[in-house]
Amino acid sequence: MAKFEREISSGGVVIRNVDAGIRILLIKDPYGKWTWPKGKLAKGEAALDAAKREIQEETGLVNIKVISKIGRTDYFYKREGKLIYKTVYIYLFEFTGREKLIIQKTEIDDGDWFSEEEAPVKVGYKGAKAIMKRAITAFRKLMSDPRHKEGLI
């Protein structure tokens, strides 16, 4: 059996509701692919805390509210000739603030808000489209709940 290293990351699909509809935050990673903000867990850090931290570090957004866990991806990749088995936990967040994106150019190349039609087409990783669609569906369900409009959830 092949030997591999284990890596755990966490990230989040961040969605905001605007007059023109919902907008989904995507970042362009160093490999030139659009995806959601994510990164490795620090020692002893919970996956949800890591997701919030990575979103804040990579995009400057601090006014985010967790909605739910929406998925997990597992895959192998190679780094410097070593086989890595990676798990990424993915959460859905609602952006509730007004701050502008401040892209952390040392780790990612770009970031922007996309419509619900554009975002699933833009994401560049296997399995990401299905997770994106799941996030959009969950967000739409939240927006239609009267308790959300009253600030109860």
N, C-alpha and C. Protein backbone atom coordinates (compact mmCIF):
# COMPACT_ATOMS: atom_id res chain seq x y z
N MET A 1 0.84 -1.19 0.00
CA MET A 1 0.00 0.00 0.00
C MET A 1 0.88 1.25 0.00
N ALA A 2 0.50 2.21 -0.79
CA ALA A 2 1.28 3.45 -0.90
C ALA A 2 1.19 4.25 0.39
N LYS A 3 2.29 4.87 0.74
CA LYS A 3 2.34 5.72 1.91
C LYS A 3 1.96 7.14 1.51
N PHE A 4 1.22 7.80 2.38
CA PHE A 4 0.82 9.17 2.08
C PHE A 4 0.75 10.00 3.36
N GLU A 5 0.82 11.31 3.17
CA GLU A 5 0.65 12.24 4.27
C GLU A 5 -0.81 12.64 4.34
N ARG A 6 -1.25 13.06 5.51
CA ARG A 6 -2.64 13.47 5.73
C ARG A 6 -2.69 14.98 5.89
N GLU A 7 -3.66 15.61 5.24
CA GLU A 7 -3.83 17.07 5.34
C GLU A 7 -5.32 17.36 5.51
N ILE A 8 -5.65 18.25 6.44
CA ILE A 8 -7.04 18.63 6.67
C ILE A 8 -7.16 20.14 6.50
N SER A 9 -8.13 20.54 5.68
CA SER A 9 -8.39 21.95 5.44
C SER A 9 -9.88 22.22 5.67
N SER A 10 -10.20 23.49 5.71
CA SER A 10 -11.58 23.89 5.89
C SER A 10 -11.79 25.21 5.17
N GLY A 11 -13.01 25.41 4.69
CA GLY A 11 -13.31 26.65 3.98
C GLY A 11 -14.80 26.90 3.94
N GLY A 12 -15.16 27.94 3.21
CA GLY A 12 -16.56 28.27 3.19
C GLY A 12 -17.02 28.96 1.93
N VAL A 13 -18.26 28.62 1.56
CA VAL A 13 -18.96 29.31 0.50
C VAL A 13 -19.67 30.48 1.18
N VAL A 14 -19.29 31.69 0.78
CA VAL A 14 -19.86 32.90 1.37
C VAL A 14 -20.84 33.50 0.37
N ILE A 15 -22.08 33.72 0.84
CA ILE A 15 -23.13 34.25 -0.02
C ILE A 15 -23.74 35.49 0.63
N ARG A 16 -24.05 36.47 -0.19
CA ARG A 16 -24.75 37.66 0.31
C ARG A 16 -26.00 37.88 -0.52
N ASN A 17 -26.98 38.49 0.10
CA ASN A 17 -28.23 38.81 -0.57
C ASN A 17 -28.22 40.29 -0.89
N VAL A 18 -28.36 40.63 -2.17
CA VAL A 18 -28.40 42.04 -2.60
C VAL A 18 -29.66 42.24 -3.44
N ASP A 19 -29.95 43.49 -3.75
CA ASP A 19 -31.16 43.80 -4.53
C ASP A 19 -31.22 43.02 -5.85
N ALA A 20 -30.07 42.83 -6.48
CA ALA A 20 -30.03 42.14 -7.77
C ALA A 20 -30.06 40.61 -7.64
N GLY A 21 -30.16 40.11 -6.42
CA GLY A 21 -30.16 38.67 -6.20
C GLY A 21 -29.03 38.27 -5.27
N ILE A 22 -28.73 36.98 -5.25
CA ILE A 22 -27.65 36.55 -4.38
C ILE A 22 -26.32 36.59 -5.13
N ARG A 23 -25.26 36.82 -4.37
CA ARG A 23 -23.91 36.86 -4.92
C ARG A 23 -23.03 35.92 -4.09
N ILE A 24 -22.19 35.17 -4.79
CA ILE A 24 -21.34 34.18 -4.17
C ILE A 24 -19.88 34.61 -4.31
N LEU A 25 -19.16 34.55 -3.20
CA LEU A 25 -17.75 34.92 -3.19
C LEU A 25 -16.89 33.77 -3.69
N LEU A 26 -16.04 34.06 -4.67
CA LEU A 26 -15.05 33.10 -5.13
C LEU A 26 -13.68 33.76 -5.11
N ILE A 27 -12.68 32.95 -4.86
CA ILE A 27 -11.30 33.43 -4.94
C ILE A 27 -10.59 32.65 -6.05
N LYS A 28 -9.60 33.29 -6.65
CA LYS A 28 -8.79 32.61 -7.68
C LYS A 28 -7.50 32.18 -7.00
N ASP A 29 -7.29 30.89 -6.93
CA ASP A 29 -6.12 30.36 -6.21
C ASP A 29 -4.85 30.48 -7.05
N PRO A 30 -3.70 30.16 -6.46
CA PRO A 30 -2.43 30.28 -7.20
C PRO A 30 -2.33 29.37 -8.43
N TYR A 31 -3.24 28.40 -8.55
CA TYR A 31 -3.24 27.50 -9.71
C TYR A 31 -4.14 28.03 -10.82
N GLY A 32 -4.71 29.24 -10.61
CA GLY A 32 -5.54 29.88 -11.62
C GLY A 32 -6.97 29.39 -11.64
N LYS A 33 -7.40 28.69 -10.59
CA LYS A 33 -8.75 28.15 -10.53
C LYS A 33 -9.59 28.93 -9.53
N TRP A 34 -10.85 29.15 -9.88
CA TRP A 34 -11.79 29.81 -8.99
C TRP A 34 -12.37 28.78 -8.02
N THR A 35 -12.45 29.15 -6.76
CA THR A 35 -12.94 28.27 -5.72
C THR A 35 -13.39 29.11 -4.53
N TRP A 36 -13.74 28.49 -3.44
CA TRP A 36 -14.09 29.23 -2.22
C TRP A 36 -12.85 29.33 -1.34
N PRO A 37 -12.82 30.32 -0.44
CA PRO A 37 -11.68 30.45 0.47
C PRO A 37 -11.55 29.21 1.35
N LYS A 38 -10.32 28.74 1.50
CA LYS A 38 -10.06 27.57 2.34
C LYS A 38 -8.58 27.52 2.68
N GLY A 39 -8.27 26.72 3.69
CA GLY A 39 -6.89 26.54 4.07
C GLY A 39 -6.75 25.50 5.16
N LYS A 40 -5.50 25.20 5.50
CA LYS A 40 -5.21 24.16 6.48
C LYS A 40 -5.62 24.57 7.89
N LEU A 41 -6.02 23.58 8.66
CA LEU A 41 -6.32 23.79 10.07
C LEU A 41 -5.01 23.97 10.83
N ALA A 42 -4.99 24.92 11.75
CA ALA A 42 -3.86 25.07 12.66
C ALA A 42 -3.97 23.97 13.71
N LYS A 43 -2.89 23.66 14.37
CA LYS A 43 -2.89 22.61 15.39
C LYS A 43 -3.94 22.91 16.45
N GLY A 44 -4.83 21.95 16.68
CA GLY A 44 -5.86 22.09 17.70
C GLY A 44 -7.06 22.94 17.28
N GLU A 45 -7.06 23.44 16.06
CA GLU A 45 -8.14 24.32 15.59
C GLU A 45 -9.31 23.49 15.06
N ALA A 46 -10.53 23.90 15.40
CA ALA A 46 -11.73 23.25 14.89
C ALA A 46 -11.93 23.65 13.43
N ALA A 47 -12.57 22.77 12.66
CA ALA A 47 -12.78 23.02 11.23
C ALA A 47 -13.57 24.30 10.98
N LEU A 48 -14.62 24.55 11.74
CA LEU A 48 -15.42 25.76 11.55
C LEU A 48 -14.59 27.02 11.84
N ASP A 49 -13.81 26.98 12.89
CA ASP A 49 -12.96 28.13 13.22
C ASP A 49 -11.93 28.39 12.12
N ALA A 50 -11.39 27.32 11.56
CA ALA A 50 -10.42 27.46 10.47
C ALA A 50 -11.09 28.07 9.24
N ALA A 51 -12.32 27.65 8.94
CA ALA A 51 -13.04 28.20 7.79
C ALA A 51 -13.23 29.71 7.95
N LYS A 52 -13.67 30.14 9.13
CA LYS A 52 -13.86 31.58 9.39
C LYS A 52 -12.53 32.33 9.26
N ARG A 53 -11.49 31.78 9.85
CA ARG A 53 -10.18 32.43 9.82
C ARG A 53 -9.67 32.57 8.38
N GLU A 54 -9.79 31.50 7.60
CA GLU A 54 -9.30 31.54 6.22
C GLU A 54 -10.07 32.56 5.39
N ILE A 55 -11.39 32.62 5.57
CA ILE A 55 -12.19 33.61 4.84
C ILE A 55 -11.72 35.01 5.20
N GLN A 56 -11.54 35.26 6.49
CA GLN A 56 -11.10 36.58 6.94
C GLN A 56 -9.71 36.92 6.42
N GLU A 57 -8.78 35.96 6.50
CA GLU A 57 -7.41 36.21 6.05
C GLU A 57 -7.33 36.45 4.54
N GLU A 58 -8.04 35.64 3.77
CA GLU A 58 -7.91 35.71 2.32
C GLU A 58 -8.73 36.82 1.68
N THR A 59 -9.81 37.26 2.34
CA THR A 59 -10.71 38.23 1.70
C THR A 59 -10.97 39.49 2.50
N GLY A 60 -10.59 39.51 3.77
CA GLY A 60 -10.85 40.67 4.62
C GLY A 60 -12.26 40.75 5.17
N LEU A 61 -13.11 39.78 4.85
CA LEU A 61 -14.50 39.82 5.33
C LEU A 61 -14.58 39.30 6.76
N VAL A 62 -15.16 40.11 7.64
CA VAL A 62 -15.28 39.70 9.04
C VAL A 62 -16.73 39.50 9.46
N ASN A 63 -17.65 40.12 8.77
CA ASN A 63 -19.07 40.01 9.11
C ASN A 63 -19.71 38.85 8.36
N ILE A 64 -19.37 37.65 8.82
CA ILE A 64 -19.91 36.44 8.22
C ILE A 64 -20.57 35.61 9.32
N LYS A 65 -21.68 35.00 8.95
CA LYS A 65 -22.45 34.18 9.90
C LYS A 65 -22.58 32.78 9.33
N VAL A 66 -22.18 31.79 10.12
CA VAL A 66 -22.28 30.41 9.64
C VAL A 66 -23.75 30.00 9.56
N ILE A 67 -24.08 29.34 8.46
CA ILE A 67 -25.44 28.83 8.25
C ILE A 67 -25.47 27.33 8.54
N SER A 68 -24.55 26.60 7.90
CA SER A 68 -24.51 25.15 8.09
C SER A 68 -23.24 24.58 7.47
N LYS A 69 -22.98 23.33 7.81
CA LYS A 69 -21.93 22.58 7.11
C LYS A 69 -22.58 22.06 5.84
N ILE A 70 -21.93 22.25 4.69
CA ILE A 70 -22.58 21.82 3.45
C ILE A 70 -21.85 20.71 2.70
N GLY A 71 -20.68 20.35 3.18
CA GLY A 71 -20.02 19.27 2.47
C GLY A 71 -18.62 18.98 2.95
N ARG A 72 -18.06 18.01 2.27
CA ARG A 72 -16.70 17.57 2.56
C ARG A 72 -16.18 16.95 1.26
N THR A 73 -14.95 17.24 0.95
CA THR A 73 -14.32 16.59 -0.19
C THR A 73 -13.06 15.89 0.28
N ASP A 74 -12.77 14.77 -0.34
CA ASP A 74 -11.57 13.99 -0.05
C ASP A 74 -10.90 13.67 -1.37
N TYR A 75 -9.60 13.87 -1.41
CA TYR A 75 -8.88 13.58 -2.64
C TYR A 75 -7.39 13.43 -2.37
N PHE A 76 -6.71 12.83 -3.33
CA PHE A 76 -5.25 12.71 -3.29
C PHE A 76 -4.65 13.72 -4.24
N TYR A 77 -3.48 14.24 -3.88
CA TYR A 77 -2.70 15.05 -4.80
C TYR A 77 -1.22 14.88 -4.45
N LYS A 78 -0.36 15.33 -5.35
CA LYS A 78 1.07 15.24 -5.10
C LYS A 78 1.66 16.61 -4.87
N ARG A 79 2.54 16.70 -3.86
CA ARG A 79 3.27 17.92 -3.56
C ARG A 79 4.72 17.52 -3.32
N GLU A 80 5.59 18.07 -4.13
CA GLU A 80 7.03 17.79 -4.05
C GLU A 80 7.31 16.29 -4.07
N GLY A 81 6.57 15.58 -4.93
CA GLY A 81 6.77 14.15 -5.09
C GLY A 81 6.13 13.29 -4.03
N LYS A 82 5.49 13.89 -3.05
CA LYS A 82 4.84 13.14 -1.97
C LYS A 82 3.33 13.07 -2.22
N LEU A 83 2.76 11.92 -1.93
CA LEU A 83 1.33 11.72 -2.06
C LEU A 83 0.64 12.28 -0.80
N ILE A 84 -0.36 13.13 -1.02
CA ILE A 84 -1.10 13.75 0.08
C ILE A 84 -2.56 13.34 -0.02
N TYR A 85 -3.13 12.88 1.10
CA TYR A 85 -4.56 12.61 1.18
C TYR A 85 -5.18 13.78 1.92
N LYS A 86 -6.03 14.53 1.21
CA LYS A 86 -6.57 15.76 1.76
C LYS A 86 -8.08 15.66 1.96
N THR A 87 -8.53 16.18 3.10
CA THR A 87 -9.95 16.33 3.40
C THR A 87 -10.21 17.81 3.57
N VAL A 88 -11.27 18.30 2.93
CA VAL A 88 -11.67 19.70 3.06
C VAL A 88 -13.11 19.74 3.55
N TYR A 89 -13.33 20.37 4.71
CA TYR A 89 -14.67 20.58 5.24
C TYR A 89 -15.18 21.92 4.70
N ILE A 90 -16.44 21.95 4.25
CA ILE A 90 -16.97 23.16 3.62
C ILE A 90 -18.24 23.59 4.34
N TYR A 91 -18.27 24.87 4.69
CA TYR A 91 -19.40 25.47 5.40
C TYR A 91 -20.05 26.54 4.54
N LEU A 92 -21.31 26.80 4.82
CA LEU A 92 -22.03 27.89 4.17
C LEU A 92 -22.10 29.06 5.12
N PHE A 93 -21.71 30.24 4.63
CA PHE A 93 -21.74 31.47 5.42
C PHE A 93 -22.59 32.52 4.71
N GLU A 94 -23.24 33.34 5.50
CA GLU A 94 -23.92 34.52 4.98
C GLU A 94 -23.07 35.74 5.31
N PHE A 95 -22.77 36.54 4.30
CA PHE A 95 -22.07 37.81 4.53
C PHE A 95 -23.10 38.84 4.93
N THR A 96 -22.93 39.43 6.11
CA THR A 96 -23.91 40.37 6.65
C THR A 96 -23.36 41.79 6.77
N GLY A 97 -22.13 42.00 6.34
CA GLY A 97 -21.49 43.31 6.50
C GLY A 97 -21.51 44.15 5.25
N ARG A 98 -20.73 45.20 5.31
CA ARG A 98 -20.61 46.12 4.17
C ARG A 98 -19.16 46.30 3.73
N GLU A 99 -18.23 45.65 4.42
CA GLU A 99 -16.83 45.83 4.08
C GLU A 99 -16.53 45.35 2.66
N LYS A 100 -15.52 45.93 2.09
CA LYS A 100 -15.08 45.59 0.73
C LYS A 100 -14.09 44.43 0.81
N LEU A 101 -13.97 43.70 -0.29
CA LEU A 101 -12.99 42.63 -0.35
C LEU A 101 -11.58 43.21 -0.29
N ILE A 102 -10.75 42.61 0.53
CA ILE A 102 -9.33 42.93 0.58
C ILE A 102 -8.61 41.61 0.34
N ILE A 103 -8.20 41.40 -0.90
CA ILE A 103 -7.62 40.13 -1.30
C ILE A 103 -6.18 40.01 -0.81
N GLN A 104 -5.89 38.90 -0.14
CA GLN A 104 -4.55 38.62 0.38
C GLN A 104 -3.69 38.08 -0.77
N LYS A 105 -3.02 38.99 -1.46
CA LYS A 105 -2.30 38.64 -2.68
C LYS A 105 -1.11 37.70 -2.46
N THR A 106 -0.69 37.49 -1.22
CA THR A 106 0.42 36.56 -0.98
C THR A 106 -0.03 35.11 -1.12
N GLU A 107 -1.34 34.84 -0.97
CA GLU A 107 -1.82 33.47 -1.05
C GLU A 107 -2.77 33.20 -2.22
N ILE A 108 -3.51 34.23 -2.62
CA ILE A 108 -4.47 34.04 -3.71
C ILE A 108 -4.30 35.15 -4.74
N ASP A 109 -4.78 34.90 -5.94
CA ASP A 109 -4.58 35.86 -7.04
C ASP A 109 -5.69 36.89 -7.18
N ASP A 110 -6.92 36.52 -6.82
CA ASP A 110 -8.04 37.43 -7.05
C ASP A 110 -9.24 36.96 -6.24
N GLY A 111 -10.25 37.78 -6.20
CA GLY A 111 -11.50 37.42 -5.54
C GLY A 111 -12.59 38.34 -6.02
N ASP A 112 -13.82 37.83 -6.09
CA ASP A 112 -14.93 38.66 -6.55
C ASP A 112 -16.24 37.97 -6.20
N TRP A 113 -17.31 38.73 -6.33
CA TRP A 113 -18.67 38.22 -6.13
C TRP A 113 -19.27 37.86 -7.48
N PHE A 114 -19.94 36.69 -7.54
CA PHE A 114 -20.53 36.22 -8.78
C PHE A 114 -22.00 35.88 -8.55
N SER A 115 -22.79 35.96 -9.61
CA SER A 115 -24.21 35.60 -9.52
C SER A 115 -24.34 34.10 -9.32
N GLU A 116 -25.54 33.68 -8.96
CA GLU A 116 -25.77 32.25 -8.73
C GLU A 116 -25.69 31.45 -10.04
N GLU A 117 -25.83 32.11 -11.17
CA GLU A 117 -25.65 31.44 -12.45
C GLU A 117 -24.16 31.32 -12.80
N GLU A 118 -23.40 32.36 -12.49
CA GLU A 118 -21.97 32.38 -12.84
C GLU A 118 -21.12 31.49 -11.94
N ALA A 119 -21.37 31.51 -10.65
CA ALA A 119 -20.49 30.84 -9.68
C ALA A 119 -20.30 29.34 -9.96
N PRO A 120 -21.37 28.57 -10.19
CA PRO A 120 -21.15 27.14 -10.43
C PRO A 120 -20.36 26.87 -11.71
N VAL A 121 -20.45 27.76 -12.66
CA VAL A 121 -19.71 27.60 -13.93
C VAL A 121 -18.23 27.96 -13.72
N LYS A 122 -17.96 28.95 -12.86
CA LYS A 122 -16.60 29.43 -12.62
C LYS A 122 -15.73 28.46 -11.83
N VAL A 123 -16.32 27.76 -10.84
CA VAL A 123 -15.50 26.92 -9.97
C VAL A 123 -14.76 25.88 -10.78
N GLY A 124 -13.49 25.69 -10.44
CA GLY A 124 -12.63 24.89 -11.30
C GLY A 124 -12.21 23.54 -10.80
N TYR A 125 -12.79 23.05 -9.72
CA TYR A 125 -12.37 21.75 -9.19
C TYR A 125 -13.48 20.72 -9.28
N LYS A 126 -13.07 19.47 -9.44
CA LYS A 126 -14.00 18.34 -9.53
C LYS A 126 -14.85 18.31 -8.26
N GLY A 127 -16.14 18.17 -8.42
CA GLY A 127 -17.05 18.10 -7.29
C GLY A 127 -17.49 19.45 -6.75
N ALA A 128 -16.81 20.51 -7.16
CA ALA A 128 -17.11 21.84 -6.62
C ALA A 128 -18.46 22.37 -7.10
N LYS A 129 -18.83 22.05 -8.32
CA LYS A 129 -20.11 22.53 -8.86
C LYS A 129 -21.28 22.01 -8.04
N ALA A 130 -21.24 20.72 -7.68
CA ALA A 130 -22.32 20.12 -6.89
C ALA A 130 -22.39 20.77 -5.51
N ILE A 131 -21.26 21.02 -4.89
CA ILE A 131 -21.24 21.67 -3.58
C ILE A 131 -21.77 23.10 -3.69
N MET A 132 -21.38 23.79 -4.76
CA MET A 132 -21.84 25.16 -4.97
C MET A 132 -23.36 25.20 -5.13
N LYS A 133 -23.89 24.29 -5.91
CA LYS A 133 -25.34 24.24 -6.11
C LYS A 133 -26.07 23.91 -4.81
N ARG A 134 -25.48 23.02 -4.00
CA ARG A 134 -26.05 22.69 -2.68
C ARG A 134 -26.07 23.92 -1.79
N ALA A 135 -24.99 24.71 -1.83
CA ALA A 135 -24.90 25.93 -1.02
C ALA A 135 -25.96 26.95 -1.45
N ILE A 136 -26.14 27.11 -2.74
CA ILE A 136 -27.13 28.06 -3.27
C ILE A 136 -28.54 27.63 -2.85
N THR A 137 -28.83 26.35 -2.96
CA THR A 137 -30.14 25.84 -2.56
C THR A 137 -30.38 26.08 -1.07
N ALA A 138 -29.40 25.79 -0.24
CA ALA A 138 -29.54 26.00 1.21
C ALA A 138 -29.71 27.48 1.53
N PHE A 139 -28.99 28.35 0.82
CA PHE A 139 -29.11 29.79 1.06
C PHE A 139 -30.50 30.29 0.65
N ARG A 140 -30.98 29.84 -0.49
CA ARG A 140 -32.33 30.24 -0.94
C ARG A 140 -33.39 29.81 0.08
N LYS A 141 -33.24 28.61 0.62
CA LYS A 141 -34.17 28.11 1.64
C LYS A 141 -34.13 29.02 2.86
N LEU A 142 -32.94 29.41 3.27
CA LEU A 142 -32.79 30.31 4.42
C LEU A 142 -33.46 31.65 4.14
N MET A 143 -33.26 32.19 2.95
CA MET A 143 -33.82 33.50 2.60
C MET A 143 -35.36 33.47 2.56
N SER A 144 -35.91 32.30 2.27
CA SER A 144 -37.37 32.21 2.21
C SER A 144 -38.01 31.97 3.58
N ASP A 145 -37.20 31.71 4.59
CA ASP A 145 -37.73 31.46 5.93
C ASP A 145 -38.05 32.79 6.60
N PRO A 146 -39.31 33.01 7.00
CA PRO A 146 -39.70 34.29 7.62
C PRO A 146 -38.90 34.60 8.90
N ARG A 147 -38.44 33.57 9.58
CA ARG A 147 -37.65 33.80 10.80
C ARG A 147 -36.33 34.49 10.49
N HIS A 148 -35.77 34.22 9.31
CA HIS A 148 -34.52 34.87 8.92
C HIS A 148 -34.75 36.36 8.72
N LYS A 149 -35.84 36.70 8.06
CA LYS A 149 -36.16 38.12 7.82
C LYS A 149 -36.37 38.88 9.12
N GLU A 150 -36.81 38.17 10.15
CA GLU A 150 -37.03 38.80 11.46
C GLU A 150 -35.80 38.74 12.34
N GLY A 151 -34.70 38.18 11.82
CA GLY A 151 -33.46 38.11 12.57
C GLY A 151 -33.44 37.02 13.63
N LEU A 152 -34.34 36.05 13.52
CA LEU A 152 -34.43 34.99 14.53
C LEU A 152 -33.51 33.81 14.22
N ILE A 153 -33.08 33.71 12.96
CA ILE A 153 -32.11 32.64 12.62
C ILE A 153 -31.03 33.21 11.72
